[in-house]
Amino acid sequence: MAYQLVVLYHHPENAEAFDKHYDETHAPLAARLPGLRAYSVMRPAAGRGERPAYHLVAVLTFDDQDAFNAAMSGEEGRAAVADLANFAGAGTTMLTGPAGTIL
């Protein structure tokens, strides 16, 4: 069964600087994770004039938990986690677990 890491990025003080770093530095780091099968990013839109709960949502999919664990414990995983301090000062919420497809 597929295994996913979902990263919910809290709203940064400087959204432009956050987006630049994410797009130019962090996303390429994360894209090099060994065993990564899919990687999608969403910047939530405001609904009814309300600010979305998160600035950015990233979903990284691996074949299984073992592949995820290997990727995150390797050099590329450590580099991606260490990079969070360079741009995600407002914090993140990370969720991991088995993922299935409904439709």
PDB file of N, CA and C in Angstrom:
ATOM      1  N   MET A   1       0.847  -1.178   0.000  1.00  0.00           N
ATOM      2  CA  MET A   1       0.000   0.000   0.000  1.00  0.00           C
ATOM      3  C   MET A   1       0.889   1.237   0.000  1.00  0.00           C
ATOM      4  N   ALA A   2       0.502   2.244  -0.759  1.00  0.00           N
ATOM      5  CA  ALA A   2       1.251   3.500  -0.808  1.00  0.00           C
ATOM      6  C   ALA A   2       1.314   4.138   0.572  1.00  0.00           C
ATOM      7  N   TYR A   3       2.346   4.932   0.771  1.00  0.00           N
ATOM      8  CA  TYR A   3       2.552   5.617   2.032  1.00  0.00           C
ATOM      9  C   TYR A   3       2.823   7.088   1.716  1.00  0.00           C
ATOM     10  N   GLN A   4       2.189   7.994   2.454  1.00  0.00           N
ATOM     11  CA  GLN A   4       2.317   9.417   2.142  1.00  0.00           C
ATOM     12  C   GLN A   4       2.838  10.247   3.308  1.00  0.00           C
ATOM     13  N   LEU A   5       3.523  11.303   2.936  1.00  0.00           N
ATOM     14  CA  LEU A   5       3.888  12.383   3.840  1.00  0.00           C
ATOM     15  C   LEU A   5       3.121  13.600   3.358  1.00  0.00           C
ATOM     16  N   VAL A   6       2.311  14.182   4.226  1.00  0.00           N
ATOM     17  CA  VAL A   6       1.577  15.405   3.914  1.00  0.00           C
ATOM     18  C   VAL A   6       2.158  16.492   4.806  1.00  0.00           C
ATOM     19  N   VAL A   7       2.616  17.584   4.174  1.00  0.00           N
ATOM     20  CA  VAL A   7       3.196  18.691   4.926  1.00  0.00           C
ATOM     21  C   VAL A   7       2.293  19.908   4.755  1.00  0.00           C
ATOM     22  N   LEU A   8       1.782  20.405   5.870  1.00  0.00           N
ATOM     23  CA  LEU A   8       0.927  21.584   5.898  1.00  0.00           C
ATOM     24  C   LEU A   8       1.784  22.751   6.385  1.00  0.00           C
ATOM     25  N   TYR A   9       2.052  23.696   5.502  1.00  0.00           N
ATOM     26  CA  TYR A   9       2.904  24.831   5.850  1.00  0.00           C
ATOM     27  C   TYR A   9       2.051  25.972   6.374  1.00  0.00           C
ATOM     28  N   HIS A  10       2.361  26.432   7.566  1.00  0.00           N
ATOM     29  CA  HIS A  10       1.648  27.550   8.178  1.00  0.00           C
ATOM     30  C   HIS A  10       1.994  28.836   7.430  1.00  0.00           C
ATOM     31  N   HIS A  11       1.174  29.836   7.575  1.00  0.00           N
ATOM     32  CA  HIS A  11       1.363  31.092   6.843  1.00  0.00           C
ATOM     33  C   HIS A  11       2.648  31.804   7.276  1.00  0.00           C
ATOM     34  N   PRO A  12       3.538  32.059   6.330  1.00  0.00           N
ATOM     35  CA  PRO A  12       4.788  32.739   6.652  1.00  0.00           C
ATOM     36  C   PRO A  12       4.577  34.244   6.782  1.00  0.00           C
ATOM     37  N   GLU A  13       5.532  34.905   7.425  1.00  0.00           N
ATOM     38  CA  GLU A  13       5.471  36.367   7.509  1.00  0.00           C
ATOM     39  C   GLU A  13       5.651  36.988   6.128  1.00  0.00           C
ATOM     40  N   ASN A  14       6.543  36.408   5.326  1.00  0.00           N
ATOM     41  CA  ASN A  14       6.818  36.929   3.991  1.00  0.00           C
ATOM     42  C   ASN A  14       6.514  35.834   2.972  1.00  0.00           C
ATOM     43  N   ALA A  15       5.312  35.854   2.433  1.00  0.00           N
ATOM     44  CA  ALA A  15       4.867  34.804   1.514  1.00  0.00           C
ATOM     45  C   ALA A  15       5.710  34.768   0.248  1.00  0.00           C
ATOM     46  N   GLU A  16       6.120  35.923  -0.247  1.00  0.00           N
ATOM     47  CA  GLU A  16       6.916  35.967  -1.488  1.00  0.00           C
ATOM     48  C   GLU A  16       8.270  35.282  -1.285  1.00  0.00           C
ATOM     49  N   ALA A  17       8.931  35.565  -0.174  1.00  0.00           N
ATOM     50  CA  ALA A  17      10.224  34.941   0.113  1.00  0.00           C
ATOM     51  C   ALA A  17      10.057  33.438   0.345  1.00  0.00           C
ATOM     52  N   PHE A  18       8.996  33.059   1.051  1.00  0.00           N
ATOM     53  CA  PHE A  18       8.707  31.643   1.285  1.00  0.00           C
ATOM     54  C   PHE A  18       8.536  30.919  -0.049  1.00  0.00           C
ATOM     55  N   ASP A  19       7.677  31.451  -0.908  1.00  0.00           N
ATOM     56  CA  ASP A  19       7.394  30.800  -2.190  1.00  0.00           C
ATOM     57  C   ASP A  19       8.648  30.681  -3.051  1.00  0.00           C
ATOM     58  N   LYS A  20       9.462  31.714  -3.070  1.00  0.00           N
ATOM     59  CA  LYS A  20      10.698  31.690  -3.860  1.00  0.00           C
ATOM     60  C   LYS A  20      11.616  30.575  -3.355  1.00  0.00           C
ATOM     61  N   HIS A  21      11.808  30.510  -2.049  1.00  0.00           N
ATOM     62  CA  HIS A  21      12.683  29.477  -1.495  1.00  0.00           C
ATOM     63  C   HIS A  21      12.091  28.087  -1.725  1.00  0.00           C
ATOM     64  N   TYR A  22      10.798  27.955  -1.499  1.00  0.00           N
ATOM     65  CA  TYR A  22      10.167  26.647  -1.691  1.00  0.00           C
ATOM     66  C   TYR A  22      10.333  26.175  -3.137  1.00  0.00           C
ATOM     67  N   ASP A  23       9.985  27.041  -4.071  1.00  0.00           N
ATOM     68  CA  ASP A  23      10.009  26.659  -5.483  1.00  0.00           C
ATOM     69  C   ASP A  23      11.416  26.433  -6.029  1.00  0.00           C
ATOM     70  N   GLU A  24      12.366  27.265  -5.604  1.00  0.00           N
ATOM     71  CA  GLU A  24      13.705  27.212  -6.186  1.00  0.00           C
ATOM     72  C   GLU A  24      14.685  26.320  -5.424  1.00  0.00           C
ATOM     73  N   THR A  25      14.435  26.101  -4.148  1.00  0.00           N
ATOM     74  CA  THR A  25      15.397  25.343  -3.336  1.00  0.00           C
ATOM     75  C   THR A  25      14.784  24.089  -2.714  1.00  0.00           C
ATOM     76  N   HIS A  26      13.701  24.263  -1.959  1.00  0.00           N
ATOM     77  CA  HIS A  26      13.174  23.126  -1.198  1.00  0.00           C
ATOM     78  C   HIS A  26      12.530  22.058  -2.092  1.00  0.00           C
ATOM     79  N   ALA A  27      11.687  22.472  -3.010  1.00  0.00           N
ATOM     80  CA  ALA A  27      11.026  21.478  -3.875  1.00  0.00           C
ATOM     81  C   ALA A  27      12.044  20.638  -4.647  1.00  0.00           C
ATOM     82  N   PRO A  28      13.085  21.239  -5.230  1.00  0.00           N
ATOM     83  CA  PRO A  28      14.088  20.400  -5.894  1.00  0.00           C
ATOM     84  C   PRO A  28      14.792  19.432  -4.938  1.00  0.00           C
ATOM     85  N   LEU A  29      15.028  19.859  -3.683  1.00  0.00           N
ATOM     86  CA  LEU A  29      15.617  18.945  -2.696  1.00  0.00           C
ATOM     87  C   LEU A  29      14.683  17.769  -2.443  1.00  0.00           C
ATOM     88  N   ALA A  30      13.429  18.070  -2.181  1.00  0.00           N
ATOM     89  CA  ALA A  30      12.455  17.015  -1.887  1.00  0.00           C
ATOM     90  C   ALA A  30      12.240  16.097  -3.089  1.00  0.00           C
ATOM     91  N   ALA A  31      12.299  16.647  -4.277  1.00  0.00           N
ATOM     92  CA  ALA A  31      12.079  15.844  -5.490  1.00  0.00           C
ATOM     93  C   ALA A  31      13.173  14.793  -5.683  1.00  0.00           C
ATOM     94  N   ARG A  32      14.304  14.958  -5.027  1.00  0.00           N
ATOM     95  CA  ARG A  32      15.416  14.000  -5.147  1.00  0.00           C
ATOM     96  C   ARG A  32      15.335  12.861  -4.129  1.00  0.00           C
ATOM     97  N   LEU A  33      14.288  12.844  -3.301  1.00  0.00           N
ATOM     98  CA  LEU A  33      14.177  11.762  -2.322  1.00  0.00           C
ATOM     99  C   LEU A  33      14.110  10.419  -3.039  1.00  0.00           C
ATOM    100  N   PRO A  34      14.964   9.484  -2.677  1.00  0.00           N
ATOM    101  CA  PRO A  34      14.918   8.173  -3.336  1.00  0.00           C
ATOM    102  C   PRO A  34      13.588   7.476  -3.054  1.00  0.00           C
ATOM    103  N   GLY A  35      13.051   6.836  -4.060  1.00  0.00           N
ATOM    104  CA  GLY A  35      11.797   6.098  -3.892  1.00  0.00           C
ATOM    105  C   GLY A  35      10.546   6.948  -3.978  1.00  0.00           C
ATOM    106  N   LEU A  36      10.697   8.252  -4.189  1.00  0.00           N
ATOM    107  CA  LEU A  36       9.535   9.133  -4.305  1.00  0.00           C
ATOM    108  C   LEU A  36       8.776   8.799  -5.587  1.00  0.00           C
ATOM    109  N   ARG A  37       7.482   8.505  -5.474  1.00  0.00           N
ATOM    110  CA  ARG A  37       6.665   8.114  -6.632  1.00  0.00           C
ATOM    111  C   ARG A  37       5.804   9.252  -7.161  1.00  0.00           C
ATOM    112  N   ALA A  38       5.402  10.151  -6.287  1.00  0.00           N
ATOM    113  CA  ALA A  38       4.586  11.302  -6.696  1.00  0.00           C
ATOM    114  C   ALA A  38       4.820  12.421  -5.695  1.00  0.00           C
ATOM    115  N   TYR A  39       4.725  13.656  -6.201  1.00  0.00           N
ATOM    116  CA  TYR A  39       4.959  14.831  -5.359  1.00  0.00           C
ATOM    117  C   TYR A  39       4.069  15.934  -5.903  1.00  0.00           C
ATOM    118  N   SER A  40       3.093  16.339  -5.115  1.00  0.00           N
ATOM    119  CA  SER A  40       2.195  17.407  -5.564  1.00  0.00           C
ATOM    120  C   SER A  40       2.172  18.516  -4.520  1.00  0.00           C
ATOM    121  N   VAL A  41       1.910  19.721  -5.005  1.00  0.00           N
ATOM    122  CA  VAL A  41       1.870  20.901  -4.161  1.00  0.00           C
ATOM    123  C   VAL A  41       0.598  21.670  -4.473  1.00  0.00           C
ATOM    124  N   MET A  42      -0.042  22.183  -3.427  1.00  0.00           N
ATOM    125  CA  MET A  42      -1.224  23.021  -3.611  1.00  0.00           C
ATOM    126  C   MET A  42      -1.071  24.256  -2.738  1.00  0.00           C
ATOM    127  N   ARG A  43      -1.392  25.385  -3.320  1.00  0.00           N
ATOM    128  CA  ARG A  43      -1.473  26.632  -2.561  1.00  0.00           C
ATOM    129  C   ARG A  43      -2.968  26.929  -2.422  1.00  0.00           C
ATOM    130  N   PRO A  44      -3.535  26.654  -1.241  1.00  0.00           N
ATOM    131  CA  PRO A  44      -4.981  26.791  -1.076  1.00  0.00           C
ATOM    132  C   PRO A  44      -5.489  28.197  -1.395  1.00  0.00           C
ATOM    133  N   ALA A  45      -6.627  28.234  -2.042  1.00  0.00           N
ATOM    134  CA  ALA A  45      -7.273  29.505  -2.378  1.00  0.00           C
ATOM    135  C   ALA A  45      -8.178  29.932  -1.227  1.00  0.00           C
ATOM    136  N   ALA A  46      -8.334  31.229  -1.105  1.00  0.00           N
ATOM    137  CA  ALA A  46      -9.243  31.757  -0.083  1.00  0.00           C
ATOM    138  C   ALA A  46     -10.671  31.453  -0.493  1.00  0.00           C
ATOM    139  N   GLY A  47     -11.463  31.051   0.475  1.00  0.00           N
ATOM    140  CA  GLY A  47     -12.868  30.789   0.206  1.00  0.00           C
ATOM    141  C   GLY A  47     -13.740  31.815   0.897  1.00  0.00           C
ATOM    142  N   ARG A  48     -14.644  32.399   0.156  1.00  0.00           N
ATOM    143  CA  ARG A  48     -15.570  33.398   0.711  1.00  0.00           C
ATOM    144  C   ARG A  48     -14.819  34.528   1.427  1.00  0.00           C
ATOM    145  N   GLY A  49     -13.683  34.897   0.861  1.00  0.00           N
ATOM    146  CA  GLY A  49     -12.912  35.983   1.433  1.00  0.00           C
ATOM    147  C   GLY A  49     -12.139  35.625   2.687  1.00  0.00           C
ATOM    148  N   GLU A  50     -12.172  34.374   3.090  1.00  0.00           N
ATOM    149  CA  GLU A  50     -11.461  33.944   4.288  1.00  0.00           C
ATOM    150  C   GLU A  50     -10.082  33.404   3.927  1.00  0.00           C
ATOM    151  N   ARG A  51      -9.154  33.649   4.788  1.00  0.00           N
ATOM    152  CA  ARG A  51      -7.803  33.133   4.605  1.00  0.00           C
ATOM    153  C   ARG A  51      -7.814  31.616   4.790  1.00  0.00           C
ATOM    154  N   PRO A  52      -7.173  30.884   3.877  1.00  0.00           N
ATOM    155  CA  PRO A  52      -7.127  29.431   4.054  1.00  0.00           C
ATOM    156  C   PRO A  52      -6.321  29.068   5.301  1.00  0.00           C
ATOM    157  N   ALA A  53      -6.534  27.897   5.816  1.00  0.00           N
ATOM    158  CA  ALA A  53      -5.871  27.467   7.046  1.00  0.00           C
ATOM    159  C   ALA A  53      -4.355  27.332   6.878  1.00  0.00           C
ATOM    160  N   TYR A  54      -3.896  27.025   5.665  1.00  0.00           N
ATOM    161  CA  TYR A  54      -2.473  26.816   5.409  1.00  0.00           C
ATOM    162  C   TYR A  54      -2.044  27.575   4.165  1.00  0.00           C
ATOM    163  N   HIS A  55      -0.761  27.910   4.126  1.00  0.00           N
ATOM    164  CA  HIS A  55      -0.207  28.619   2.972  1.00  0.00           C
ATOM    165  C   HIS A  55       0.063  27.661   1.818  1.00  0.00           C
ATOM    166  N   LEU A  56       0.574  26.468   2.144  1.00  0.00           N
ATOM    167  CA  LEU A  56       0.942  25.503   1.112  1.00  0.00           C
ATOM    168  C   LEU A  56       0.755  24.105   1.676  1.00  0.00           C
ATOM    169  N   VAL A  57       0.359  23.185   0.821  1.00  0.00           N
ATOM    170  CA  VAL A  57       0.210  21.783   1.200  1.00  0.00           C
ATOM    171  C   VAL A  57       1.011  20.948   0.208  1.00  0.00           C
ATOM    172  N   ALA A  58       1.902  20.119   0.723  1.00  0.00           N
ATOM    173  CA  ALA A  58       2.696  19.228  -0.127  1.00  0.00           C
ATOM    174  C   ALA A  58       2.348  17.787   0.214  1.00  0.00           C
ATOM    175  N   VAL A  59       2.215  16.964  -0.812  1.00  0.00           N
ATOM    176  CA  VAL A  59       1.908  15.546  -0.629  1.00  0.00           C
ATOM    177  C   VAL A  59       2.970  14.737  -1.364  1.00  0.00           C
ATOM    178  N   LEU A  60       3.715  13.948  -0.625  1.00  0.00           N
ATOM    179  CA  LEU A  60       4.762  13.105  -1.193  1.00  0.00           C
ATOM    180  C   LEU A  60       4.360  11.654  -1.001  1.00  0.00           C
ATOM    181  N   THR A  61       4.401  10.885  -2.068  1.00  0.00           N
ATOM    182  CA  THR A  61       3.932   9.501  -2.034  1.00  0.00           C
ATOM    183  C   THR A  61       5.075   8.535  -2.337  1.00  0.00           C
ATOM    184  N   PHE A  62       5.144   7.492  -1.532  1.00  0.00           N
ATOM    185  CA  PHE A  62       6.147   6.436  -1.662  1.00  0.00           C
ATOM    186  C   PHE A  62       5.425   5.100  -1.820  1.00  0.00           C
ATOM    187  N   ASP A  63       6.141   4.079  -2.263  1.00  0.00           N
ATOM    188  CA  ASP A  63       5.524   2.764  -2.450  1.00  0.00           C
ATOM    189  C   ASP A  63       4.976   2.196  -1.150  1.00  0.00           C
ATOM    190  N   ASP A  64       5.729   2.374  -0.052  1.00  0.00           N
ATOM    191  CA  ASP A  64       5.329   1.820   1.238  1.00  0.00           C
ATOM    192  C   ASP A  64       6.091   2.519   2.353  1.00  0.00           C
ATOM    193  N   GLN A  65       5.820   2.151   3.580  1.00  0.00           N
ATOM    194  CA  GLN A  65       6.446   2.802   4.727  1.00  0.00           C
ATOM    195  C   GLN A  65       7.952   2.571   4.748  1.00  0.00           C
ATOM    196  N   ASP A  66       8.390   1.406   4.338  1.00  0.00           N
ATOM    197  CA  ASP A  66       9.831   1.134   4.311  1.00  0.00           C
ATOM    198  C   ASP A  66      10.549   2.085   3.349  1.00  0.00           C
ATOM    199  N   ALA A  67       9.956   2.334   2.185  1.00  0.00           N
ATOM    200  CA  ALA A  67      10.550   3.265   1.215  1.00  0.00           C
ATOM    201  C   ALA A  67      10.584   4.679   1.782  1.00  0.00           C
ATOM    202  N   PHE A  68       9.511   5.079   2.466  1.00  0.00           N
ATOM    203  CA  PHE A  68       9.466   6.394   3.110  1.00  0.00           C
ATOM    204  C   PHE A  68      10.560   6.513   4.166  1.00  0.00           C
ATOM    205  N   ASN A  69      10.652   5.513   5.046  1.00  0.00           N
ATOM    206  CA  ASN A  69      11.652   5.536   6.114  1.00  0.00           C
ATOM    207  C   ASN A  69      13.066   5.604   5.546  1.00  0.00           C
ATOM    208  N   ALA A  70      13.331   4.841   4.499  1.00  0.00           N
ATOM    209  CA  ALA A  70      14.662   4.850   3.887  1.00  0.00           C
ATOM    210  C   ALA A  70      14.967   6.224   3.288  1.00  0.00           C
ATOM    211  N   ALA A  71      13.988   6.813   2.618  1.00  0.00           N
ATOM    212  CA  ALA A  71      14.195   8.128   1.997  1.00  0.00           C
ATOM    213  C   ALA A  71      14.470   9.193   3.044  1.00  0.00           C
ATOM    214  N   MET A  72      13.719   9.192   4.108  1.00  0.00           N
ATOM    215  CA  MET A  72      13.846  10.243   5.106  1.00  0.00           C
ATOM    216  C   MET A  72      15.097  10.072   5.967  1.00  0.00           C
ATOM    217  N   SER A  73      15.593   8.861   6.115  1.00  0.00           N
ATOM    218  CA  SER A  73      16.790   8.649   6.928  1.00  0.00           C
ATOM    219  C   SER A  73      18.070   8.802   6.116  1.00  0.00           C
ATOM    220  N   GLY A  74      17.945   8.893   4.813  1.00  0.00           N
ATOM    221  CA  GLY A  74      19.115   9.057   3.951  1.00  0.00           C
ATOM    222  C   GLY A  74      19.564  10.509   3.846  1.00  0.00           C
ATOM    223  N   GLU A  75      20.624  10.721   3.104  1.00  0.00           N
ATOM    224  CA  GLU A  75      21.203  12.059   2.935  1.00  0.00           C
ATOM    225  C   GLU A  75      20.205  13.064   2.386  1.00  0.00           C
ATOM    226  N   GLU A  76      19.431  12.679   1.376  1.00  0.00           N
ATOM    227  CA  GLU A  76      18.462  13.585   0.765  1.00  0.00           C
ATOM    228  C   GLU A  76      17.358  13.969   1.744  1.00  0.00           C
ATOM    229  N   GLY A  77      16.875  13.011   2.522  1.00  0.00           N
ATOM    230  CA  GLY A  77      15.830  13.286   3.511  1.00  0.00           C
ATOM    231  C   GLY A  77      16.325  14.218   4.601  1.00  0.00           C
ATOM    232  N   ARG A  78      17.518  13.966   5.078  1.00  0.00           N
ATOM    233  CA  ARG A  78      18.091  14.841   6.112  1.00  0.00           C
ATOM    234  C   ARG A  78      18.280  16.256   5.570  1.00  0.00           C
ATOM    235  N   ALA A  79      18.705  16.391   4.327  1.00  0.00           N
ATOM    236  CA  ALA A  79      18.900  17.723   3.733  1.00  0.00           C
ATOM    237  C   ALA A  79      17.569  18.455   3.600  1.00  0.00           C
ATOM    238  N   ALA A  80      16.528  17.759   3.172  1.00  0.00           N
ATOM    239  CA  ALA A  80      15.216  18.391   3.012  1.00  0.00           C
ATOM    240  C   ALA A  80      14.666  18.841   4.363  1.00  0.00           C
ATOM    241  N   VAL A  81      14.798  18.016   5.381  1.00  0.00           N
ATOM    242  CA  VAL A  81      14.314  18.381   6.717  1.00  0.00           C
ATOM    243  C   VAL A  81      15.120  19.555   7.262  1.00  0.00           C
ATOM    244  N   ALA A  82      16.430  19.540   7.091  1.00  0.00           N
ATOM    245  CA  ALA A  82      17.273  20.630   7.579  1.00  0.00           C
ATOM    246  C   ALA A  82      16.929  21.948   6.890  1.00  0.00           C
ATOM    247  N   ASP A  83      16.525  21.886   5.633  1.00  0.00           N
ATOM    248  CA  ASP A  83      16.204  23.100   4.880  1.00  0.00           C
ATOM    249  C   ASP A  83      14.966  23.810   5.413  1.00  0.00           C
ATOM    250  N   LEU A  84      14.102  23.115   6.112  1.00  0.00           N
ATOM    251  CA  LEU A  84      12.890  23.752   6.647  1.00  0.00           C
ATOM    252  C   LEU A  84      13.214  24.981   7.492  1.00  0.00           C
ATOM    253  N   ALA A  85      14.315  24.939   8.206  1.00  0.00           N
ATOM    254  CA  ALA A  85      14.709  26.074   9.053  1.00  0.00           C
ATOM    255  C   ALA A  85      15.031  27.318   8.228  1.00  0.00           C
ATOM    256  N   ASN A  86      15.297  27.140   6.937  1.00  0.00           N
ATOM    257  CA  ASN A  86      15.668  28.260   6.082  1.00  0.00           C
ATOM    258  C   ASN A  86      14.480  29.060   5.546  1.00  0.00           C
ATOM    259  N   PHE A  87      13.269  28.520   5.675  1.00  0.00           N
ATOM    260  CA  PHE A  87      12.127  29.229   5.085  1.00  0.00           C
ATOM    261  C   PHE A  87      10.794  28.994   5.790  1.00  0.00           C
ATOM    262  N   ALA A  88      10.672  27.968   6.586  1.00  0.00           N
ATOM    263  CA  ALA A  88       9.380  27.606   7.184  1.00  0.00           C
ATOM    264  C   ALA A  88       9.333  27.979   8.661  1.00  0.00           C
ATOM    265  N   GLY A  89       9.729  29.205   8.974  1.00  0.00           N
ATOM    266  CA  GLY A  89       9.779  29.656  10.354  1.00  0.00           C
ATOM    267  C   GLY A  89       8.425  29.698  11.047  1.00  0.00           C
ATOM    268  N   ALA A  90       7.352  29.804  10.279  1.00  0.00           N
ATOM    269  CA  ALA A  90       6.014  29.824  10.876  1.00  0.00           C
ATOM    270  C   ALA A  90       5.560  28.436  11.294  1.00  0.00           C
ATOM    271  N   GLY A  91       6.310  27.413  10.874  1.00  0.00           N
ATOM    272  CA  GLY A  91       6.016  26.054  11.283  1.00  0.00           C
ATOM    273  C   GLY A  91       5.299  25.230  10.237  1.00  0.00           C
ATOM    274  N   THR A  92       5.293  23.951  10.502  1.00  0.00           N
ATOM    275  CA  THR A  92       4.617  22.987   9.644  1.00  0.00           C
ATOM    276  C   THR A  92       3.863  22.000  10.521  1.00  0.00           C
ATOM    277  N   THR A  93       2.901  21.355   9.920  1.00  0.00           N
ATOM    278  CA  THR A  93       2.254  20.192  10.518  1.00  0.00           C
ATOM    279  C   THR A  93       2.498  19.066   9.534  1.00  0.00           C
ATOM    280  N   MET A  94       3.082  17.961  10.013  1.00  0.00           N
ATOM    281  CA  MET A  94       3.379  16.844   9.128  1.00  0.00           C
ATOM    282  C   MET A  94       2.546  15.638   9.533  1.00  0.00           C
ATOM    283  N   LEU A  95       1.989  15.004   8.529  1.00  0.00           N
ATOM    284  CA  LEU A  95       1.179  13.805   8.719  1.00  0.00           C
ATOM    285  C   LEU A  95       1.756  12.700   7.846  1.00  0.00           C
ATOM    286  N   THR A  96       1.845  11.490   8.370  1.00  0.00           N
ATOM    287  CA  THR A  96       2.298  10.359   7.576  1.00  0.00           C
ATOM    288  C   THR A  96       1.360   9.194   7.794  1.00  0.00           C
ATOM    289  N   GLY A  97       1.265   8.362   6.769  1.00  0.00           N
ATOM    290  CA  GLY A  97       0.456   7.164   6.937  1.00  0.00           C
ATOM    291  C   GLY A  97       0.143   6.490   5.615  1.00  0.00           C
ATOM    292  N   PRO A  98      -0.447   5.304   5.705  1.00  0.00           N
ATOM    293  CA  PRO A  98      -0.849   4.572   4.508  1.00  0.00           C
ATOM    294  C   PRO A  98      -1.895   5.372   3.734  1.00  0.00           C
ATOM    295  N   ALA A  99      -1.816   5.302   2.419  1.00  0.00           N
ATOM    296  CA  ALA A  99      -2.740   6.053   1.583  1.00  0.00           C
ATOM    297  C   ALA A  99      -3.371   5.148   0.551  1.00  0.00           C
ATOM    298  N   GLY A 100      -4.660   5.313   0.367  1.00  0.00           N
ATOM    299  CA  GLY A 100      -5.388   4.565  -0.638  1.00  0.00           C
ATOM    300  C   GLY A 100      -6.082   5.513  -1.587  1.00  0.00           C
ATOM    301  N   THR A 101      -6.555   4.950  -2.675  1.00  0.00           N
ATOM    302  CA  THR A 101      -7.282   5.737  -3.660  1.00  0.00           C
ATOM    303  C   THR A 101      -8.757   5.367  -3.592  1.00  0.00           C
ATOM    304  N   ILE A 102      -9.610   6.368  -3.507  1.00  0.00           N
ATOM    305  CA  ILE A 102     -11.042   6.142  -3.436  1.00  0.00           C
ATOM    306  C   ILE A 102     -11.656   6.103  -4.838  1.00  0.00           C
ATOM    307  N   LEU A 103     -11.225   7.010  -5.670  1.00  0.00           N
ATOM    308  CA  LEU A 103     -11.826   7.146  -6.998  1.00  0.00           C
ATOM    309  C   LEU A 103     -10.785   7.152  -8.063  1.00  0.00           C
TER     310      LEU A 103
END
